[in-house]
Amino acid sequence: MARDVQHEIRRKQRVRRSIRARAYGRPRLSVFRSSKQIYAQIIDDEQGVTVVAASSMEKANRDSLKSGANIDAAKVVGKLIAERAVAKGIKAVVFDRGAYMYHGRVKALAEGAREGGLDF
């Protein structure tokens, strides 16, 4: 069990290290996926602040979505974070999938963000 957690931490660090190497000053779109919800935030690593955040836990999303743990919810959260980012003047980001594989809900969130106007 502990070995699996350490492996996940190393994988996340490896992904983040490669993202920082090719970010070129762009903010990072970070994804967190739990078993029941999905969360996304755009982080400015230079200043160390979260610029924009969205999740399936927000009231509007809870009322309209059947579940926060499916592809439809991830796509809605992706579009929502892109909408908020464009309103703040952010158009280009670097996608940080963390320790998650790029498929399923993580991929749906990325596609939703691209549809919403983010470039990565």
N, C-alpha and C. Protein backbone atom coordinates (compact mmCIF):
# COMPACT_ATOMS: atom_id res chain seq x y z
N MET A 1 0.83 -1.19 0.00
CA MET A 1 0.00 0.00 0.00
C MET A 1 0.87 1.25 0.00
N ALA A 2 1.83 1.34 0.90
CA ALA A 2 2.68 2.52 0.99
C ALA A 2 3.50 2.69 -0.29
N ARG A 3 3.90 1.57 -0.88
CA ARG A 3 4.67 1.63 -2.11
C ARG A 3 3.84 2.24 -3.24
N ASP A 4 2.56 1.94 -3.30
CA ASP A 4 1.70 2.50 -4.33
C ASP A 4 1.58 4.01 -4.19
N VAL A 5 1.48 4.49 -2.97
CA VAL A 5 1.38 5.93 -2.71
C VAL A 5 2.68 6.62 -3.11
N GLN A 6 3.81 6.02 -2.76
CA GLN A 6 5.09 6.61 -3.13
C GLN A 6 5.25 6.64 -4.66
N HIS A 7 4.81 5.61 -5.32
CA HIS A 7 4.89 5.55 -6.77
C HIS A 7 4.03 6.66 -7.39
N GLU A 8 2.85 6.88 -6.85
CA GLU A 8 1.98 7.93 -7.35
C GLU A 8 2.59 9.31 -7.13
N ILE A 9 3.19 9.53 -5.99
CA ILE A 9 3.84 10.82 -5.71
C ILE A 9 4.99 11.05 -6.67
N ARG A 10 5.81 10.02 -6.91
CA ARG A 10 6.92 10.16 -7.85
C ARG A 10 6.41 10.45 -9.27
N ARG A 11 5.35 9.78 -9.66
CA ARG A 11 4.79 10.00 -10.99
C ARG A 11 4.30 11.44 -11.13
N LYS A 12 3.60 11.95 -10.10
CA LYS A 12 3.10 13.33 -10.13
C LYS A 12 4.25 14.34 -10.21
N GLN A 13 5.31 14.08 -9.43
CA GLN A 13 6.47 14.98 -9.46
C GLN A 13 7.15 14.96 -10.83
N ARG A 14 7.22 13.78 -11.43
CA ARG A 14 7.84 13.65 -12.74
C ARG A 14 7.04 14.44 -13.79
N VAL A 15 5.72 14.33 -13.74
CA VAL A 15 4.88 15.05 -14.69
C VAL A 15 5.02 16.56 -14.48
N ARG A 16 4.98 17.00 -13.22
CA ARG A 16 5.08 18.44 -12.93
C ARG A 16 6.44 19.00 -13.33
N ARG A 17 7.51 18.22 -13.15
CA ARG A 17 8.84 18.68 -13.53
C ARG A 17 8.89 18.90 -15.04
N SER A 18 8.34 17.99 -15.82
CA SER A 18 8.36 18.16 -17.27
C SER A 18 7.46 19.31 -17.70
N ILE A 19 6.38 19.54 -16.98
CA ILE A 19 5.49 20.66 -17.30
C ILE A 19 6.19 21.98 -17.05
N ARG A 20 6.86 22.12 -15.93
CA ARG A 20 7.57 23.36 -15.62
C ARG A 20 8.67 23.63 -16.63
N ALA A 21 9.29 22.59 -17.14
CA ALA A 21 10.37 22.75 -18.11
C ALA A 21 9.87 23.32 -19.43
N ARG A 22 8.64 23.05 -19.79
CA ARG A 22 8.11 23.53 -21.07
C ARG A 22 6.96 24.51 -20.92
N ALA A 23 6.77 25.09 -19.74
CA ALA A 23 5.66 26.01 -19.51
C ALA A 23 5.89 27.37 -20.16
N TYR A 24 7.13 27.85 -20.15
CA TYR A 24 7.47 29.15 -20.74
C TYR A 24 6.59 30.27 -20.19
N GLY A 25 6.37 30.26 -18.88
CA GLY A 25 5.62 31.33 -18.23
C GLY A 25 4.11 31.19 -18.26
N ARG A 26 3.61 30.14 -18.90
CA ARG A 26 2.15 29.95 -18.95
C ARG A 26 1.67 29.38 -17.63
N PRO A 27 0.44 29.71 -17.22
CA PRO A 27 -0.11 29.11 -16.01
C PRO A 27 -0.43 27.63 -16.23
N ARG A 28 -0.62 26.91 -15.14
CA ARG A 28 -0.82 25.47 -15.18
C ARG A 28 -2.27 25.13 -14.87
N LEU A 29 -2.90 24.33 -15.72
CA LEU A 29 -4.26 23.82 -15.48
C LEU A 29 -4.13 22.47 -14.80
N SER A 30 -4.37 22.45 -13.49
CA SER A 30 -4.18 21.26 -12.68
C SER A 30 -5.52 20.56 -12.45
N VAL A 31 -5.52 19.24 -12.53
CA VAL A 31 -6.74 18.45 -12.37
C VAL A 31 -6.60 17.55 -11.15
N PHE A 32 -7.67 17.50 -10.35
CA PHE A 32 -7.76 16.54 -9.25
C PHE A 32 -9.05 15.76 -9.44
N ARG A 33 -8.92 14.45 -9.39
CA ARG A 33 -10.06 13.57 -9.64
C ARG A 33 -10.24 12.70 -8.41
N SER A 34 -11.40 12.81 -7.77
CA SER A 34 -11.70 11.92 -6.66
C SER A 34 -12.69 10.88 -7.18
N SER A 35 -13.11 10.00 -6.30
CA SER A 35 -14.03 8.96 -6.74
C SER A 35 -15.44 9.50 -6.99
N LYS A 36 -15.76 10.68 -6.43
CA LYS A 36 -17.12 11.23 -6.58
C LYS A 36 -17.18 12.57 -7.28
N GLN A 37 -16.06 13.28 -7.38
CA GLN A 37 -16.06 14.63 -7.96
C GLN A 37 -14.83 14.82 -8.83
N ILE A 38 -14.80 15.95 -9.54
CA ILE A 38 -13.63 16.36 -10.30
C ILE A 38 -13.42 17.85 -10.11
N TYR A 39 -12.18 18.25 -9.95
CA TYR A 39 -11.81 19.63 -9.66
C TYR A 39 -10.73 20.06 -10.63
N ALA A 40 -10.74 21.35 -10.99
CA ALA A 40 -9.70 21.91 -11.85
C ALA A 40 -9.36 23.31 -11.36
N GLN A 41 -8.10 23.65 -11.44
CA GLN A 41 -7.69 25.01 -11.10
C GLN A 41 -6.53 25.44 -11.99
N ILE A 42 -6.51 26.73 -12.27
CA ILE A 42 -5.41 27.30 -13.04
C ILE A 42 -4.52 28.02 -12.04
N ILE A 43 -3.25 27.61 -12.02
CA ILE A 43 -2.30 28.07 -11.02
C ILE A 43 -1.18 28.85 -11.71
N ASP A 44 -0.89 30.02 -11.17
CA ASP A 44 0.27 30.80 -11.62
C ASP A 44 1.44 30.42 -10.72
N ASP A 45 2.34 29.59 -11.23
CA ASP A 45 3.44 29.08 -10.42
C ASP A 45 4.47 30.15 -10.09
N GLU A 46 4.57 31.19 -10.90
CA GLU A 46 5.54 32.26 -10.62
C GLU A 46 5.16 33.02 -9.35
N GLN A 47 3.86 33.27 -9.17
CA GLN A 47 3.39 33.98 -7.99
C GLN A 47 2.90 33.04 -6.91
N GLY A 48 2.65 31.78 -7.27
CA GLY A 48 2.19 30.79 -6.30
C GLY A 48 0.75 30.98 -5.89
N VAL A 49 -0.11 31.39 -6.82
CA VAL A 49 -1.52 31.63 -6.51
C VAL A 49 -2.42 30.89 -7.50
N THR A 50 -3.61 30.54 -7.00
CA THR A 50 -4.64 29.98 -7.85
C THR A 50 -5.40 31.14 -8.48
N VAL A 51 -5.44 31.17 -9.79
CA VAL A 51 -6.09 32.27 -10.50
C VAL A 51 -7.57 31.98 -10.69
N VAL A 52 -7.90 30.77 -11.13
CA VAL A 52 -9.27 30.38 -11.43
C VAL A 52 -9.47 28.94 -10.96
N ALA A 53 -10.67 28.64 -10.47
CA ALA A 53 -10.98 27.27 -10.05
C ALA A 53 -12.41 26.92 -10.45
N ALA A 54 -12.65 25.63 -10.66
CA ALA A 54 -13.99 25.13 -10.95
C ALA A 54 -14.06 23.69 -10.50
N SER A 55 -15.25 23.25 -10.13
CA SER A 55 -15.41 21.86 -9.73
C SER A 55 -16.83 21.40 -9.95
N SER A 56 -17.02 20.11 -9.84
CA SER A 56 -18.37 19.54 -9.97
C SER A 56 -19.14 19.70 -8.67
N MET A 57 -18.51 20.26 -7.64
CA MET A 57 -19.17 20.47 -6.35
C MET A 57 -19.96 21.78 -6.29
N GLU A 58 -19.75 22.66 -7.24
CA GLU A 58 -20.44 23.94 -7.22
C GLU A 58 -21.94 23.74 -7.35
N LYS A 59 -22.69 24.63 -6.74
CA LYS A 59 -24.14 24.46 -6.65
C LYS A 59 -24.81 24.30 -8.01
N ALA A 60 -24.44 25.12 -8.96
CA ALA A 60 -25.04 25.03 -10.30
C ALA A 60 -24.75 23.67 -10.94
N ASN A 61 -23.55 23.17 -10.74
CA ASN A 61 -23.19 21.87 -11.31
C ASN A 61 -23.88 20.72 -10.57
N ARG A 62 -24.00 20.82 -9.25
CA ARG A 62 -24.66 19.77 -8.49
C ARG A 62 -26.11 19.62 -8.90
N ASP A 63 -26.77 20.75 -9.17
CA ASP A 63 -28.18 20.71 -9.54
C ASP A 63 -28.40 20.18 -10.95
N SER A 64 -27.49 20.51 -11.87
CA SER A 64 -27.70 20.14 -13.27
C SER A 64 -27.13 18.78 -13.65
N LEU A 65 -26.13 18.29 -12.92
CA LEU A 65 -25.48 17.03 -13.27
C LEU A 65 -26.04 15.87 -12.46
N LYS A 66 -26.10 14.72 -13.09
CA LYS A 66 -26.56 13.52 -12.39
C LYS A 66 -25.52 13.06 -11.37
N SER A 67 -24.25 13.15 -11.76
CA SER A 67 -23.16 12.74 -10.88
C SER A 67 -21.95 13.62 -11.17
N GLY A 68 -21.10 13.79 -10.17
CA GLY A 68 -19.87 14.54 -10.37
C GLY A 68 -18.73 13.66 -10.80
N ALA A 69 -18.99 12.37 -10.95
CA ALA A 69 -17.92 11.41 -11.22
C ALA A 69 -18.06 10.75 -12.58
N ASN A 70 -18.53 11.51 -13.57
CA ASN A 70 -18.62 10.92 -14.90
C ASN A 70 -18.05 11.87 -15.95
N ILE A 71 -17.99 11.42 -17.17
CA ILE A 71 -17.38 12.18 -18.25
C ILE A 71 -18.15 13.46 -18.54
N ASP A 72 -19.47 13.41 -18.43
CA ASP A 72 -20.28 14.60 -18.68
C ASP A 72 -19.94 15.71 -17.69
N ALA A 73 -19.78 15.35 -16.42
CA ALA A 73 -19.43 16.34 -15.40
C ALA A 73 -18.05 16.92 -15.68
N ALA A 74 -17.11 16.09 -16.09
CA ALA A 74 -15.76 16.56 -16.38
C ALA A 74 -15.77 17.55 -17.54
N LYS A 75 -16.55 17.26 -18.55
CA LYS A 75 -16.63 18.16 -19.70
C LYS A 75 -17.22 19.51 -19.31
N VAL A 76 -18.24 19.50 -18.45
CA VAL A 76 -18.86 20.74 -17.98
C VAL A 76 -17.85 21.55 -17.16
N VAL A 77 -17.10 20.89 -16.29
CA VAL A 77 -16.10 21.58 -15.48
C VAL A 77 -15.01 22.15 -16.37
N GLY A 78 -14.61 21.43 -17.40
CA GLY A 78 -13.61 21.94 -18.35
C GLY A 78 -14.08 23.19 -19.06
N LYS A 79 -15.32 23.18 -19.53
CA LYS A 79 -15.87 24.37 -20.19
C LYS A 79 -15.98 25.54 -19.22
N LEU A 80 -16.37 25.25 -17.99
CA LEU A 80 -16.54 26.29 -16.97
C LEU A 80 -15.20 26.95 -16.63
N ILE A 81 -14.17 26.15 -16.46
CA ILE A 81 -12.87 26.74 -16.11
C ILE A 81 -12.31 27.53 -17.29
N ALA A 82 -12.55 27.06 -18.51
CA ALA A 82 -12.10 27.81 -19.68
C ALA A 82 -12.82 29.15 -19.78
N GLU A 83 -14.10 29.14 -19.53
CA GLU A 83 -14.90 30.36 -19.56
C GLU A 83 -14.38 31.38 -18.54
N ARG A 84 -14.11 30.92 -17.33
CA ARG A 84 -13.60 31.80 -16.28
C ARG A 84 -12.19 32.30 -16.59
N ALA A 85 -11.37 31.44 -17.18
CA ALA A 85 -10.00 31.83 -17.51
C ALA A 85 -9.98 32.87 -18.62
N VAL A 86 -10.80 32.69 -19.64
CA VAL A 86 -10.85 33.65 -20.74
C VAL A 86 -11.35 35.00 -20.22
N ALA A 87 -12.29 34.98 -19.27
CA ALA A 87 -12.79 36.22 -18.67
C ALA A 87 -11.67 36.95 -17.91
N LYS A 88 -10.71 36.20 -17.36
CA LYS A 88 -9.57 36.80 -16.64
C LYS A 88 -8.41 37.14 -17.58
N GLY A 89 -8.56 36.81 -18.86
CA GLY A 89 -7.52 37.14 -19.83
C GLY A 89 -6.50 36.05 -20.05
N ILE A 90 -6.78 34.83 -19.60
CA ILE A 90 -5.86 33.70 -19.79
C ILE A 90 -6.35 32.88 -20.97
N LYS A 91 -5.50 32.73 -21.98
CA LYS A 91 -5.88 31.96 -23.16
C LYS A 91 -5.03 30.71 -23.34
N ALA A 92 -3.76 30.76 -22.89
CA ALA A 92 -2.84 29.64 -23.07
C ALA A 92 -2.40 29.12 -21.71
N VAL A 93 -2.50 27.81 -21.52
CA VAL A 93 -2.09 27.16 -20.27
C VAL A 93 -1.29 25.91 -20.60
N VAL A 94 -0.75 25.31 -19.56
CA VAL A 94 -0.09 24.01 -19.66
C VAL A 94 -0.96 23.03 -18.89
N PHE A 95 -1.29 21.89 -19.48
CA PHE A 95 -2.18 20.93 -18.83
C PHE A 95 -1.40 20.02 -17.90
N ASP A 96 -1.81 19.98 -16.63
CA ASP A 96 -1.17 19.15 -15.61
C ASP A 96 -2.14 18.06 -15.20
N ARG A 97 -1.90 16.86 -15.69
CA ARG A 97 -2.79 15.74 -15.37
C ARG A 97 -2.45 15.11 -14.03
N GLY A 98 -1.37 15.55 -13.42
CA GLY A 98 -0.96 14.98 -12.14
C GLY A 98 -0.52 13.54 -12.32
N ALA A 99 -0.96 12.67 -11.44
CA ALA A 99 -0.58 11.26 -11.52
C ALA A 99 -1.60 10.44 -12.31
N TYR A 100 -2.61 11.13 -12.89
CA TYR A 100 -3.68 10.41 -13.60
C TYR A 100 -3.31 10.19 -15.06
N MET A 101 -3.78 9.09 -15.60
CA MET A 101 -3.58 8.82 -17.02
C MET A 101 -4.49 9.73 -17.83
N TYR A 102 -4.07 10.08 -19.03
CA TYR A 102 -4.85 10.98 -19.88
C TYR A 102 -5.90 10.17 -20.63
N HIS A 103 -6.98 9.84 -19.94
CA HIS A 103 -8.12 9.19 -20.58
C HIS A 103 -9.31 9.35 -19.65
N GLY A 104 -10.48 9.03 -20.13
CA GLY A 104 -11.69 9.10 -19.30
C GLY A 104 -12.02 10.52 -18.88
N ARG A 105 -12.21 10.72 -17.58
CA ARG A 105 -12.63 12.02 -17.06
C ARG A 105 -11.58 13.10 -17.25
N VAL A 106 -10.31 12.74 -17.12
CA VAL A 106 -9.24 13.73 -17.28
C VAL A 106 -9.21 14.22 -18.73
N LYS A 107 -9.34 13.32 -19.67
CA LYS A 107 -9.35 13.67 -21.08
C LYS A 107 -10.60 14.50 -21.41
N ALA A 108 -11.75 14.16 -20.84
CA ALA A 108 -12.98 14.91 -21.08
C ALA A 108 -12.87 16.33 -20.56
N LEU A 109 -12.24 16.50 -19.40
CA LEU A 109 -12.03 17.84 -18.86
C LEU A 109 -11.14 18.66 -19.80
N ALA A 110 -10.09 18.06 -20.31
CA ALA A 110 -9.18 18.75 -21.23
C ALA A 110 -9.91 19.14 -22.51
N GLU A 111 -10.72 18.24 -23.04
CA GLU A 111 -11.46 18.55 -24.27
C GLU A 111 -12.48 19.66 -24.03
N GLY A 112 -13.13 19.64 -22.86
CA GLY A 112 -14.07 20.70 -22.52
C GLY A 112 -13.39 22.05 -22.41
N ALA A 113 -12.19 22.06 -21.83
CA ALA A 113 -11.43 23.30 -21.70
C ALA A 113 -11.01 23.83 -23.07
N ARG A 114 -10.63 22.92 -23.97
CA ARG A 114 -10.27 23.35 -25.33
C ARG A 114 -11.48 23.92 -26.06
N GLU A 115 -12.64 23.28 -25.89
CA GLU A 115 -13.86 23.78 -26.51
C GLU A 115 -14.23 25.15 -25.96
N GLY A 116 -13.92 25.38 -24.69
CA GLY A 116 -14.23 26.65 -24.05
C GLY A 116 -13.30 27.77 -24.44
N GLY A 117 -12.21 27.47 -25.15
CA GLY A 117 -11.33 28.52 -25.63
C GLY A 117 -9.91 28.51 -25.09
N LEU A 118 -9.55 27.56 -24.26
CA LEU A 118 -8.17 27.49 -23.76
C LEU A 118 -7.29 26.79 -24.79
N ASP A 119 -6.06 27.22 -24.86
CA ASP A 119 -5.10 26.66 -25.81
C ASP A 119 -4.00 25.93 -25.04
N PHE A 120 -3.86 24.64 -25.28
CA PHE A 120 -2.76 23.84 -24.73
C PHE A 120 -2.56 22.60 -25.55
